[in-house]
Amino acid sequence: MYKFLTLLILIIFINSSCSKKDLNTPKLEKASIDEQMTKSYNEGLEALNSGDPFVAANKFSEAEILYPQSIWAPRSALMTAYSYYEASLYQDTIDELNRYLKTYPFHDRKNYAYYLMGLSYYEQIVDEKKDLNPIIKSKEYFQLVTKDYPNSEFAVDAEYKLELIQEILASKEMYLGRYYAEREKWIPAINRFKLILEKYDTTIFVEEALHRLVEIHYKLGLEAESKKYAQLLGYNYGSSVWYEKTYKIFNKNYNKIKKPKKEKTSILEKFKSLLD
């Protein structure tokens, strides 16, 4: 779905600034270079529409080579890059985009190039626990789009992708925090959970990170510190399952005294009284 939307945006984006007459050259007995370029470009579009990105890439590349001085040369380079992306050849996409940026440094479609670069790295994210490079690079390019081109048609999706990347990075820290905690390596575990609170405070992992900090400090006998994180969890996530788990740390008989749901005092009220 993303690839279809990306193609649709790219075609509209590239074609919108040029009228149809840009691609219609005077009919001559012998086809001019401009006409050959136009023919190759249109054949590239047809190949893309028919689901053949490999042919499309060759045709767009051919169009660029035929008339490198044309305004359609850099646009053909972008379409070549997109064709590779459509074929899931992400490294080829990145290489082509780098060539485009180097060859046409002043072209006015660089915002799309950066966006597509971010997508190409994003699609290569497989295991954030082992390889951070695709995550870091995609984040870098999406941030570039949102910062330098905030009003472009790519900024909204770039912002959304950045939110997803934050979740991925936070999940890595949570994984490492749990890993250290299971092995009773308390200091590195605490540092990982605190990092989630500091750098990834908008992610879904904040609630668990707070609970883990309550849990570890309680085990270490640092009850005051443990209650500090418990209060923070209760204040911000009073209805969270992690808040209920935290309450059980301080009240071991919670399951035995729990009343039917309709008569039960809220956990938040019980926990507040416990911390008073």
Protein backbone atom coordinates (compact mmCIF):
# COMPACT_ATOMS: atom_id res chain seq x y z
CA MET A 1 0.00 0.00 0.00
CA TYR A 2 2.82 2.39 0.92
CA LYS A 3 4.56 1.68 -2.37
CA PHE A 4 1.41 2.42 -4.36
CA LEU A 5 0.87 5.70 -2.51
CA THR A 6 4.54 6.59 -2.93
CA LEU A 7 4.33 6.01 -6.67
CA LEU A 8 1.13 8.02 -6.95
CA ILE A 9 2.65 10.93 -5.03
CA LEU A 10 5.86 10.78 -7.05
CA ILE A 11 4.11 10.82 -10.43
CA ILE A 12 1.82 13.68 -9.41
CA PHE A 13 4.73 15.50 -7.79
CA ILE A 14 6.98 15.24 -10.83
CA ASN A 15 4.36 15.86 -13.48
CA SER A 16 2.47 18.67 -11.76
CA SER A 17 5.10 21.32 -12.42
CA CYS A 18 5.34 20.58 -16.11
CA SER A 19 2.55 20.95 -18.62
CA LYS A 20 1.84 18.22 -21.10
CA LYS A 21 3.49 20.22 -23.83
CA ASP A 22 6.84 19.57 -22.12
CA LEU A 23 6.60 15.98 -23.31
CA ASN A 24 5.12 16.73 -26.72
CA THR A 25 7.83 17.60 -29.21
CA PRO A 26 7.16 18.65 -32.80
CA LYS A 27 6.74 15.69 -35.14
CA LEU A 28 9.75 15.39 -37.40
CA GLU A 29 10.57 12.86 -40.07
CA LYS A 30 13.38 11.57 -37.95
CA ALA A 31 12.80 11.37 -34.21
CA SER A 32 14.83 13.95 -32.31
CA ILE A 33 16.73 13.15 -29.13
CA ASP A 34 14.00 14.89 -27.21
CA GLU A 35 11.37 12.62 -28.73
CA GLN A 36 13.44 9.53 -27.98
CA MET A 37 13.80 10.66 -24.38
CA THR A 38 10.06 11.27 -24.14
CA LYS A 39 9.32 7.85 -25.59
CA SER A 40 11.63 6.10 -23.12
CA TYR A 41 10.16 8.03 -20.17
CA ASN A 42 6.58 7.20 -21.13
CA GLU A 43 7.51 3.56 -21.67
CA GLY A 44 8.96 3.59 -18.16
CA LEU A 45 5.65 4.84 -16.77
CA GLU A 46 3.77 2.17 -18.70
CA ALA A 47 6.07 -0.54 -17.36
CA LEU A 48 5.54 0.66 -13.80
CA ASN A 49 1.78 0.70 -14.25
CA SER A 50 1.87 -2.83 -15.64
CA GLY A 51 3.92 -4.09 -12.69
CA ASP A 52 7.34 -4.45 -14.32
CA PRO A 53 9.72 -2.25 -12.28
CA PHE A 54 12.87 -3.74 -13.85
CA VAL A 55 11.87 -2.64 -17.35
CA ALA A 56 10.74 0.68 -15.92
CA ALA A 57 14.14 1.29 -14.31
CA ASN A 58 15.91 0.61 -17.60
CA LYS A 59 13.59 2.92 -19.51
CA PHE A 60 13.94 5.80 -17.06
CA SER A 61 17.71 5.37 -17.01
CA GLU A 62 17.69 5.37 -20.81
CA ALA A 63 15.66 8.60 -20.85
CA GLU A 64 18.19 10.30 -18.58
CA ILE A 65 21.17 9.17 -20.68
CA LEU A 66 19.53 10.24 -23.95
CA TYR A 67 19.06 13.85 -22.88
CA PRO A 68 21.10 14.64 -19.72
CA GLN A 69 20.61 18.40 -20.20
CA SER A 70 16.83 18.11 -20.18
CA ILE A 71 14.72 19.08 -17.16
CA TRP A 72 13.46 15.50 -17.34
CA ALA A 73 16.90 14.00 -16.70
CA PRO A 74 16.85 14.43 -12.89
CA ARG A 75 13.20 13.39 -12.83
CA SER A 76 14.07 10.26 -14.76
CA ALA A 77 16.76 9.54 -12.18
CA LEU A 78 14.18 9.80 -9.42
CA MET A 79 11.84 7.49 -11.28
CA THR A 80 14.68 5.01 -11.76
CA ALA A 81 15.21 5.07 -8.00
CA TYR A 82 11.52 4.57 -7.37
CA SER A 83 11.42 1.64 -9.79
CA TYR A 84 14.16 -0.06 -7.77
CA TYR A 85 12.17 0.65 -4.61
CA GLU A 86 9.07 -0.88 -6.19
CA ALA A 87 11.14 -4.00 -6.94
CA SER A 88 12.24 -4.11 -3.26
CA LEU A 89 15.85 -3.47 -4.32
CA TYR A 90 16.44 -1.05 -1.48
CA GLN A 91 20.21 -0.79 -1.69
CA ASP A 92 19.95 -0.09 -5.44
CA THR A 93 17.38 2.59 -4.61
CA ILE A 94 19.76 4.17 -2.12
CA ASP A 95 22.68 4.05 -4.55
CA GLU A 96 20.58 5.66 -7.30
CA LEU A 97 19.34 8.38 -4.95
CA ASN A 98 22.88 9.15 -3.83
CA ARG A 99 23.88 9.45 -7.48
CA TYR A 100 20.91 11.74 -8.13
CA LEU A 101 21.82 14.00 -5.18
CA LYS A 102 25.43 14.19 -6.34
CA THR A 103 24.58 14.75 -10.02
CA TYR A 104 21.73 17.24 -9.47
CA PRO A 105 22.55 19.02 -6.18
CA PHE A 106 20.30 21.99 -6.96
CA HIS A 107 17.29 20.12 -8.26
CA ASP A 108 13.99 21.08 -6.64
CA ARG A 109 12.83 17.51 -5.98
CA LYS A 110 15.38 16.66 -3.31
CA ASN A 111 12.67 16.47 -0.65
CA TYR A 112 11.24 13.43 -2.39
CA ALA A 113 14.73 11.91 -2.71
CA TYR A 114 15.29 12.23 1.05
CA TYR A 115 11.86 10.80 1.78
CA LEU A 116 12.44 7.81 -0.52
CA MET A 117 15.88 7.34 1.03
CA GLY A 118 14.24 7.15 4.45
CA LEU A 119 11.70 4.63 3.19
CA SER A 120 14.42 2.47 1.66
CA TYR A 121 16.27 2.22 4.96
CA TYR A 122 13.00 1.79 6.86
CA GLU A 123 12.04 -1.22 4.73
CA GLN A 124 15.32 -2.89 5.70
CA ILE A 125 14.58 -2.89 9.42
CA VAL A 126 14.52 -6.57 10.36
CA ASP A 127 15.88 -7.00 13.87
CA GLU A 128 16.54 -3.86 15.86
CA LYS A 129 18.34 -5.95 18.49
CA LYS A 130 21.12 -6.85 16.04
CA ASP A 131 21.37 -4.13 13.39
CA LEU A 132 20.65 -0.50 14.22
CA ASN A 133 21.99 1.01 11.00
CA PRO A 134 18.73 0.92 8.99
CA ILE A 135 16.86 2.44 11.95
CA ILE A 136 19.38 5.22 12.47
CA LYS A 137 19.63 6.07 8.77
CA SER A 138 15.88 6.07 8.19
CA LYS A 139 15.42 8.29 11.24
CA GLU A 140 18.08 10.66 9.91
CA TYR A 141 16.36 11.12 6.54
CA PHE A 142 12.83 11.36 7.91
CA GLN A 143 14.00 14.02 10.36
CA LEU A 144 15.60 15.89 7.47
CA VAL A 145 12.26 15.86 5.62
CA THR A 146 10.26 17.10 8.61
CA LYS A 147 12.81 19.76 9.49
CA ASP A 148 13.73 21.16 6.07
CA TYR A 149 10.49 20.46 4.20
CA PRO A 150 7.74 20.67 6.85
CA ASN A 151 5.09 21.77 4.34
CA SER A 152 5.82 19.12 1.75
CA GLU A 153 3.43 16.28 1.00
CA PHE A 154 5.97 13.86 2.48
CA ALA A 155 6.32 15.49 5.91
CA VAL A 156 3.20 13.93 7.47
CA ASP A 157 4.18 10.36 6.63
CA ALA A 158 7.79 11.06 7.63
CA GLU A 159 6.54 12.23 11.04
CA TYR A 160 4.45 9.08 11.40
CA LYS A 161 7.43 6.90 10.50
CA LEU A 162 9.53 8.71 13.11
CA GLU A 163 6.96 7.79 15.76
CA LEU A 164 7.18 4.15 14.72
CA ILE A 165 10.97 4.31 14.82
CA GLN A 166 10.83 5.65 18.38
CA GLU A 167 8.74 2.63 19.34
CA ILE A 168 11.29 0.31 17.73
CA LEU A 169 14.21 1.95 19.52
CA ALA A 170 12.34 1.88 22.82
CA SER A 171 11.61 -1.83 22.34
CA LYS A 172 15.34 -2.44 21.98
CA GLU A 173 16.05 -0.69 25.28
CA MET A 174 13.25 -2.63 26.96
CA TYR A 175 14.66 -5.89 25.63
CA LEU A 176 18.11 -5.06 27.03
CA GLY A 177 16.65 -3.89 30.33
CA ARG A 178 14.77 -7.17 30.78
CA TYR A 179 17.87 -9.10 29.76
CA TYR A 180 19.97 -7.46 32.49
CA ALA A 181 17.20 -7.70 35.08
CA GLU A 182 16.76 -11.45 34.50
CA ARG A 183 20.48 -11.86 35.21
CA GLU A 184 20.27 -9.59 38.26
CA LYS A 185 22.56 -7.01 36.71
CA TRP A 186 20.63 -4.24 38.38
CA ILE A 187 22.63 -1.14 37.44
CA PRO A 188 22.64 -1.65 33.64
CA ALA A 189 18.97 -2.72 33.86
CA ILE A 190 18.06 0.47 35.72
CA ASN A 191 20.00 2.56 33.21
CA ARG A 192 18.08 1.03 30.29
CA PHE A 193 14.69 1.58 31.88
CA LYS A 194 15.59 5.15 32.79
CA LEU A 195 16.69 5.77 29.22
CA ILE A 196 13.20 4.85 28.04
CA LEU A 197 11.75 7.50 30.38
CA GLU A 198 14.22 10.10 29.17
CA LYS A 199 14.34 9.50 25.40
CA TYR A 200 11.22 7.53 24.55
CA ASP A 201 8.62 8.97 26.90
CA THR A 202 5.89 8.99 24.24
CA THR A 203 6.13 5.26 23.50
CA ILE A 204 4.05 2.37 24.81
CA PHE A 205 7.02 1.08 26.81
CA VAL A 206 7.02 3.85 29.43
CA GLU A 207 4.49 2.09 31.67
CA GLU A 208 6.48 -1.13 31.83
CA ALA A 209 9.75 0.78 32.31
CA LEU A 210 8.27 2.53 35.37
CA HIS A 211 7.03 -0.77 36.77
CA ARG A 212 10.43 -2.40 36.28
CA LEU A 213 12.09 0.48 38.12
CA VAL A 214 9.64 0.02 41.00
CA GLU A 215 10.34 -3.71 41.01
CA ILE A 216 14.14 -3.45 40.96
CA HIS A 217 14.42 -0.73 43.58
CA TYR A 218 12.06 -2.65 45.86
CA LYS A 219 14.21 -5.78 45.52
CA LEU A 220 17.29 -3.72 46.38
CA GLY A 221 15.61 -2.43 49.54
CA LEU A 222 15.34 1.12 48.18
CA GLU A 223 11.66 1.48 49.09
CA ALA A 224 11.54 5.28 48.96
CA GLU A 225 12.95 5.27 45.44
CA SER A 226 10.60 2.46 44.50
CA LYS A 227 7.56 4.42 45.75
CA LYS A 228 8.69 7.46 43.78
CA TYR A 229 8.42 5.56 40.51
CA ALA A 230 5.18 3.93 41.68
CA GLN A 231 3.61 7.34 42.26
CA LEU A 232 4.76 8.49 38.83
CA LEU A 233 3.20 5.39 37.27
CA GLY A 234 -0.04 5.85 39.19
CA TYR A 235 -0.33 9.53 38.37
CA ASN A 236 0.11 9.04 34.62
CA TYR A 237 -1.19 5.50 34.05
CA GLY A 238 -3.69 4.79 36.83
CA SER A 239 -5.69 2.32 34.75
CA SER A 240 -2.66 0.46 33.39
CA VAL A 241 -2.11 -3.25 33.94
CA TRP A 242 1.46 -2.31 34.92
CA TYR A 243 0.06 -0.10 37.69
CA GLU A 244 -1.87 -3.07 39.03
CA LYS A 245 1.31 -5.17 38.98
CA THR A 246 3.09 -2.39 40.85
CA TYR A 247 0.38 -2.29 43.50
CA LYS A 248 0.87 -6.00 44.10
CA ILE A 249 4.53 -5.39 44.92
CA PHE A 250 3.52 -3.34 47.96
CA ASN A 251 0.49 -5.43 48.92
CA LYS A 252 1.22 -9.14 48.68
CA ASN A 253 -2.34 -10.06 49.72
CA TYR A 254 -3.95 -8.05 46.91
CA ASN A 255 -5.35 -11.09 45.09
CA LYS A 256 -6.88 -12.51 48.26
CA ILE A 257 -8.72 -9.37 49.34
CA LYS A 258 -9.81 -8.21 45.89
CA LYS A 259 -13.57 -7.70 45.82
CA PRO A 260 -16.05 -8.15 42.98
CA LYS A 261 -15.58 -5.55 40.29
CA LYS A 262 -18.72 -3.53 41.01
CA GLU A 263 -17.78 -3.10 44.71
CA LYS A 264 -14.04 -2.69 44.26
CA THR A 265 -12.37 0.52 45.28
CA SER A 266 -10.13 1.74 42.49
CA ILE A 267 -6.53 0.62 42.61
CA LEU A 268 -5.53 4.24 42.33
CA GLU A 269 -7.29 5.12 45.60
CA LYS A 270 -5.83 2.11 47.40
CA PHE A 271 -2.37 2.86 46.17
CA LYS A 272 -2.57 6.52 47.14
CA SER A 273 -3.50 5.55 50.67
CA LEU A 274 -0.61 3.11 50.77
CA LEU A 275 1.85 5.85 49.84
CA ASP A 276 0.47 8.49 52.24
